């Protein structure tokens, strides 16, 4: 079985009205939540073997903080197609993953992530900032993944529900 991890970027800042949406950084809460989620992945032995992130500043900051805390040593692929993208863009990113990868992490935005989760699992749920969903897939090639229910939702974690360190 393969595992697909989906994560919505951590909470972003709205303090600077002059910033474009793409350039908004994480706020204090987001800077605490992202590392917490990385530690959770490490504790659950779910360190990804590949990370793909939206190019938005808040998503890339989330990716870097998560990677550092779960001891991910690979590159973080920046994908501009994931910025505020629909489910199909996340699916396209997943289809481009090398066949050797067994546990990728896609980091992005709503409503695309919620839509992808719904399409792949037939589960309709809200994905708040910083949340991670764990999907188990049948042993198929990433390139064969489609927008049909084929995955089992095996875990869903929200930063607010985790105990503070």
C-alpha atoms as a PDB file:
ATOM      1  CA  UNK A   1       0.000   0.000   0.000  1.00  0.00           C
ATOM      2  CA  UNK A   2       1.020   3.563  -0.702  1.00  0.00           C
ATOM      3  CA  UNK A   3       0.270   6.538   1.513  1.00  0.00           C
ATOM      4  CA  UNK A   4      -0.691   9.985   0.278  1.00  0.00           C
ATOM      5  CA  UNK A   5      -0.428  12.798   2.797  1.00  0.00           C
ATOM      6  CA  UNK A   6      -2.400  15.977   2.124  1.00  0.00           C
ATOM      7  CA  UNK A   7      -1.766  19.125   4.150  1.00  0.00           C
ATOM      8  CA  UNK A   8      -3.291  22.555   4.070  1.00  0.00           C
ATOM      9  CA  UNK A   9      -0.764  25.300   4.773  1.00  0.00           C
ATOM     10  CA  UNK A  10      -0.621  26.543   8.352  1.00  0.00           C
ATOM     11  CA  UNK A  11      -2.359  29.747   9.462  1.00  0.00           C
ATOM     12  CA  UNK A  12      -1.214  32.793   7.517  1.00  0.00           C
ATOM     13  CA  UNK A  13      -0.892  36.439   8.422  1.00  0.00           C
ATOM     14  CA  UNK A  14      -3.191  39.200   7.210  1.00  0.00           C
ATOM     15  CA  UNK A  15      -1.191  41.946   8.972  1.00  0.00           C
ATOM     16  CA  UNK A  16       0.219  43.579   5.825  1.00  0.00           C
ATOM     17  CA  UNK A  17      -2.522  44.776   3.472  1.00  0.00           C
ATOM     18  CA  UNK A  18       0.094  45.686   0.860  1.00  0.00           C
ATOM     19  CA  UNK A  19       1.096  42.049   0.319  1.00  0.00           C
ATOM     20  CA  UNK A  20      -0.384  40.065  -2.532  1.00  0.00           C
ATOM     21  CA  UNK A  21      -2.186  36.909  -1.380  1.00  0.00           C
ATOM     22  CA  UNK A  22       0.608  34.705  -2.771  1.00  0.00           C
ATOM     23  CA  UNK A  23       3.168  36.515  -0.599  1.00  0.00           C
ATOM     24  CA  UNK A  24       1.433  36.276   2.778  1.00  0.00           C
ATOM     25  CA  UNK A  25       3.668  34.559   5.393  1.00  0.00           C
ATOM     26  CA  UNK A  26       2.666  32.423   8.338  1.00  0.00           C
ATOM     27  CA  UNK A  27       1.427  34.148  11.458  1.00  0.00           C
ATOM     28  CA  UNK A  28       2.572  33.220  14.986  1.00  0.00           C
ATOM     29  CA  UNK A  29      -0.001  30.464  15.291  1.00  0.00           C
ATOM     30  CA  UNK A  30       1.045  29.022  11.930  1.00  0.00           C
ATOM     31  CA  UNK A  31       4.707  29.102  12.929  1.00  0.00           C
ATOM     32  CA  UNK A  32       3.832  27.018  16.005  1.00  0.00           C
ATOM     33  CA  UNK A  33       1.436  24.649  14.239  1.00  0.00           C
ATOM     34  CA  UNK A  34       3.597  23.620  11.275  1.00  0.00           C
ATOM     35  CA  UNK A  35       6.487  22.250  13.371  1.00  0.00           C
ATOM     36  CA  UNK A  36       3.963  20.516  15.646  1.00  0.00           C
ATOM     37  CA  UNK A  37       2.537  18.722  12.616  1.00  0.00           C
ATOM     38  CA  UNK A  38       6.035  17.740  11.494  1.00  0.00           C
ATOM     39  CA  UNK A  39       6.710  16.232  14.930  1.00  0.00           C
ATOM     40  CA  UNK A  40       3.425  14.357  14.672  1.00  0.00           C
ATOM     41  CA  UNK A  41       4.462  12.833  11.333  1.00  0.00           C
ATOM     42  CA  UNK A  42       7.772  11.750  12.855  1.00  0.00           C
ATOM     43  CA  UNK A  43       6.076  10.267  15.935  1.00  0.00           C
ATOM     44  CA  UNK A  44       3.663   8.299  13.733  1.00  0.00           C
ATOM     45  CA  UNK A  45       6.517   7.107  11.501  1.00  0.00           C
ATOM     46  CA  UNK A  46       4.928   8.955   8.575  1.00  0.00           C
ATOM     47  CA  UNK A  47       7.887  11.021   7.420  1.00  0.00           C
ATOM     48  CA  UNK A  48       7.242  11.645   3.730  1.00  0.00           C
ATOM     49  CA  UNK A  49       9.724  10.489   1.129  1.00  0.00           C
ATOM     50  CA  UNK A  50       8.807  13.384  -1.176  1.00  0.00           C
ATOM     51  CA  UNK A  51       7.225  16.807  -0.607  1.00  0.00           C
ATOM     52  CA  UNK A  52       5.438  18.941  -3.197  1.00  0.00           C
ATOM     53  CA  UNK A  53       4.221  22.394  -2.188  1.00  0.00           C
ATOM     54  CA  UNK A  54       2.379  25.334  -3.619  1.00  0.00           C
ATOM     55  CA  UNK A  55       4.726  28.256  -4.259  1.00  0.00           C
ATOM     56  CA  UNK A  56       2.738  30.546  -1.954  1.00  0.00           C
ATOM     57  CA  UNK A  57       4.964  31.865   0.828  1.00  0.00           C
ATOM     58  CA  UNK A  58       2.702  30.434   3.541  1.00  0.00           C
ATOM     59  CA  UNK A  59       2.748  26.970   1.919  1.00  0.00           C
ATOM     60  CA  UNK A  60       6.530  26.922   1.440  1.00  0.00           C
ATOM     61  CA  UNK A  61       7.094  28.087   5.030  1.00  0.00           C
ATOM     62  CA  UNK A  62       4.800  25.287   6.183  1.00  0.00           C
ATOM     63  CA  UNK A  63       6.688  22.765   4.051  1.00  0.00           C
ATOM     64  CA  UNK A  64      10.087  23.830   5.403  1.00  0.00           C
ATOM     65  CA  UNK A  65       8.955  23.765   9.040  1.00  0.00           C
ATOM     66  CA  UNK A  66       7.281  20.363   8.675  1.00  0.00           C
ATOM     67  CA  UNK A  67      10.288  18.926   6.839  1.00  0.00           C
ATOM     68  CA  UNK A  68      12.705  20.107   9.517  1.00  0.00           C
ATOM     69  CA  UNK A  69      10.687  18.558  12.347  1.00  0.00           C
ATOM     70  CA  UNK A  70      10.041  15.180  10.730  1.00  0.00           C
ATOM     71  CA  UNK A  71      13.661  14.801   9.548  1.00  0.00           C
ATOM     72  CA  UNK A  72      12.770  14.908   5.849  1.00  0.00           C
ATOM     73  CA  UNK A  73      16.087  15.252   4.019  1.00  0.00           C
ATOM     74  CA  UNK A  74      14.939  15.527   0.418  1.00  0.00           C
ATOM     75  CA  UNK A  75      14.088  18.475  -1.755  1.00  0.00           C
ATOM     76  CA  UNK A  76      10.790  20.304  -1.543  1.00  0.00           C
ATOM     77  CA  UNK A  77       9.395  20.590  -5.036  1.00  0.00           C
ATOM     78  CA  UNK A  78       7.740  23.946  -5.578  1.00  0.00           C
ATOM     79  CA  UNK A  79       4.764  23.631  -7.902  1.00  0.00           C
ATOM     80  CA  UNK A  80       3.219  26.920  -9.046  1.00  0.00           C
ATOM     81  CA  UNK A  81       0.210  24.993 -10.380  1.00  0.00           C
ATOM     82  CA  UNK A  82      -0.895  24.240  -6.807  1.00  0.00           C
ATOM     83  CA  UNK A  83      -1.461  27.866  -5.813  1.00  0.00           C
ATOM     84  CA  UNK A  84      -5.223  28.170  -5.131  1.00  0.00           C
ATOM     85  CA  UNK A  85      -5.683  25.229  -7.487  1.00  0.00           C
ATOM     86  CA  UNK A  86      -8.600  22.880  -8.089  1.00  0.00           C
ATOM     87  CA  UNK A  87      -8.454  19.185  -7.224  1.00  0.00           C
ATOM     88  CA  UNK A  88      -7.344  18.355 -10.765  1.00  0.00           C
ATOM     89  CA  UNK A  89      -4.079  20.281 -10.299  1.00  0.00           C
ATOM     90  CA  UNK A  90      -3.253  18.330  -7.127  1.00  0.00           C
ATOM     91  CA  UNK A  91      -4.103  15.129  -8.932  1.00  0.00           C
ATOM     92  CA  UNK A  92      -1.784  16.129 -11.803  1.00  0.00           C
ATOM     93  CA  UNK A  93       1.017  16.777  -9.292  1.00  0.00           C
ATOM     94  CA  UNK A  94       0.440  13.355  -7.720  1.00  0.00           C
ATOM     95  CA  UNK A  95       0.499  11.684 -11.134  1.00  0.00           C
ATOM     96  CA  UNK A  96       3.969  13.152 -11.781  1.00  0.00           C
ATOM     97  CA  UNK A  97       5.453  11.533  -8.664  1.00  0.00           C
ATOM     98  CA  UNK A  98       8.128   8.931  -9.379  1.00  0.00           C
ATOM     99  CA  UNK A  99       7.021   5.339  -8.941  1.00  0.00           C
ATOM    100  CA  UNK A 100       9.632   4.690  -6.212  1.00  0.00           C
ATOM    101  CA  UNK A 101       7.961   7.216  -3.905  1.00  0.00           C
ATOM    102  CA  UNK A 102       5.722   5.505  -1.352  1.00  0.00           C
ATOM    103  CA  UNK A 103       4.660   8.387   0.918  1.00  0.00           C
ATOM    104  CA  UNK A 104       4.456  11.848  -0.685  1.00  0.00           C
ATOM    105  CA  UNK A 105       3.152  14.948   1.054  1.00  0.00           C
ATOM    106  CA  UNK A 106       1.225  17.541  -0.972  1.00  0.00           C
ATOM    107  CA  UNK A 107       0.916  20.968   0.677  1.00  0.00           C
ATOM    108  CA  UNK A 108      -1.542  23.508  -0.611  1.00  0.00           C
ATOM    109  CA  UNK A 109      -4.832  25.318  -0.262  1.00  0.00           C
ATOM    110  CA  UNK A 110      -8.580  24.979   0.012  1.00  0.00           C
ATOM    111  CA  UNK A 111     -10.929  24.424  -1.647  1.00  0.00           C
ATOM    112  CA  UNK A 112      -8.725  22.253  -3.907  1.00  0.00           C
ATOM    113  CA  UNK A 113      -7.426  20.011  -1.134  1.00  0.00           C
ATOM    114  CA  UNK A 114     -10.897  19.421   0.297  1.00  0.00           C
ATOM    115  CA  UNK A 115     -12.174  18.614  -3.163  1.00  0.00           C
ATOM    116  CA  UNK A 116      -9.316  16.170  -3.817  1.00  0.00           C
ATOM    117  CA  UNK A 117      -9.917  14.485  -0.463  1.00  0.00           C
ATOM    118  CA  UNK A 118     -13.621  14.137  -1.292  1.00  0.00           C
ATOM    119  CA  UNK A 119     -12.917  12.735  -4.769  1.00  0.00           C
ATOM    120  CA  UNK A 120     -10.338  10.201  -3.582  1.00  0.00           C
ATOM    121  CA  UNK A 121     -12.124   8.996  -0.438  1.00  0.00           C
ATOM    122  CA  UNK A 122     -15.824   9.905  -0.834  1.00  0.00           C
ATOM    123  CA  UNK A 123     -15.469  11.648   2.550  1.00  0.00           C
ATOM    124  CA  UNK A 124     -16.690  15.238   2.699  1.00  0.00           C
ATOM    125  CA  UNK A 125     -14.910  17.139   5.439  1.00  0.00           C
ATOM    126  CA  UNK A 126     -13.455  20.548   6.210  1.00  0.00           C
ATOM    127  CA  UNK A 127      -9.655  20.754   6.116  1.00  0.00           C
ATOM    128  CA  UNK A 128      -8.610  23.632   8.405  1.00  0.00           C
ATOM    129  CA  UNK A 129      -5.235  25.347   8.205  1.00  0.00           C
ATOM    130  CA  UNK A 130      -2.382  23.077   9.229  1.00  0.00           C
ATOM    131  CA  UNK A 131      -4.423  19.876   9.065  1.00  0.00           C
ATOM    132  CA  UNK A 132      -3.030  16.653   7.588  1.00  0.00           C
ATOM    133  CA  UNK A 133      -4.996  13.816   6.023  1.00  0.00           C
ATOM    134  CA  UNK A 134      -3.509  10.340   5.584  1.00  0.00           C
ATOM    135  CA  UNK A 135      -4.875   8.387   2.639  1.00  0.00           C
ATOM    136  CA  UNK A 136      -4.025   4.764   1.913  1.00  0.00           C
ATOM    137  CA  UNK A 137      -4.037   3.789  -1.755  1.00  0.00           C
ATOM    138  CA  UNK A 138      -4.177   0.466  -3.493  1.00  0.00           C
ATOM    139  CA  UNK A 139      -0.848  -0.525  -5.013  1.00  0.00           C
ATOM    140  CA  UNK A 140      -1.261   1.405  -8.237  1.00  0.00           C
ATOM    141  CA  UNK A 141       1.129   3.676 -10.088  1.00  0.00           C
ATOM    142  CA  UNK A 142       0.820   7.343  -9.188  1.00  0.00           C
ATOM    143  CA  UNK A 143       0.230   8.019 -12.866  1.00  0.00           C
ATOM    144  CA  UNK A 144      -2.932   5.880 -12.721  1.00  0.00           C
ATOM    145  CA  UNK A 145      -4.525   7.850  -9.895  1.00  0.00           C
ATOM    146  CA  UNK A 146      -7.891   9.336 -10.886  1.00  0.00           C
ATOM    147  CA  UNK A 147     -10.608  11.516  -9.411  1.00  0.00           C
ATOM    148  CA  UNK A 148     -12.593   8.520  -8.233  1.00  0.00           C
ATOM    149  CA  UNK A 149     -12.873   7.062  -4.754  1.00  0.00           C
ATOM    150  CA  UNK A 150      -9.984   4.614  -4.489  1.00  0.00           C
ATOM    151  CA  UNK A 151      -8.376   5.625  -1.204  1.00  0.00           C
ATOM    152  CA  UNK A 152      -9.142   4.984   2.435  1.00  0.00           C
ATOM    153  CA  UNK A 153      -8.912   7.891   4.873  1.00  0.00           C
ATOM    154  CA  UNK A 154      -6.734   6.422   7.639  1.00  0.00           C
ATOM    155  CA  UNK A 155      -5.999   9.505   9.677  1.00  0.00           C
ATOM    156  CA  UNK A 156      -6.852  13.170  10.024  1.00  0.00           C
ATOM    157  CA  UNK A 157      -5.104  15.542  12.400  1.00  0.00           C
ATOM    158  CA  UNK A 158      -5.685  19.195  13.218  1.00  0.00           C
ATOM    159  CA  UNK A 159      -3.066  21.306  14.982  1.00  0.00           C
ATOM    160  CA  UNK A 160      -5.655  22.584  17.485  1.00  0.00           C
ATOM    161  CA  UNK A 161      -6.368  19.028  18.630  1.00  0.00           C
ATOM    162  CA  UNK A 162      -2.751  18.153  19.394  1.00  0.00           C
ATOM    163  CA  UNK A 163      -1.318  18.673  22.841  1.00  0.00           C
ATOM    164  CA  UNK A 164       1.173  21.491  23.176  1.00  0.00           C
ATOM    165  CA  UNK A 165       4.790  20.312  23.583  1.00  0.00           C
END
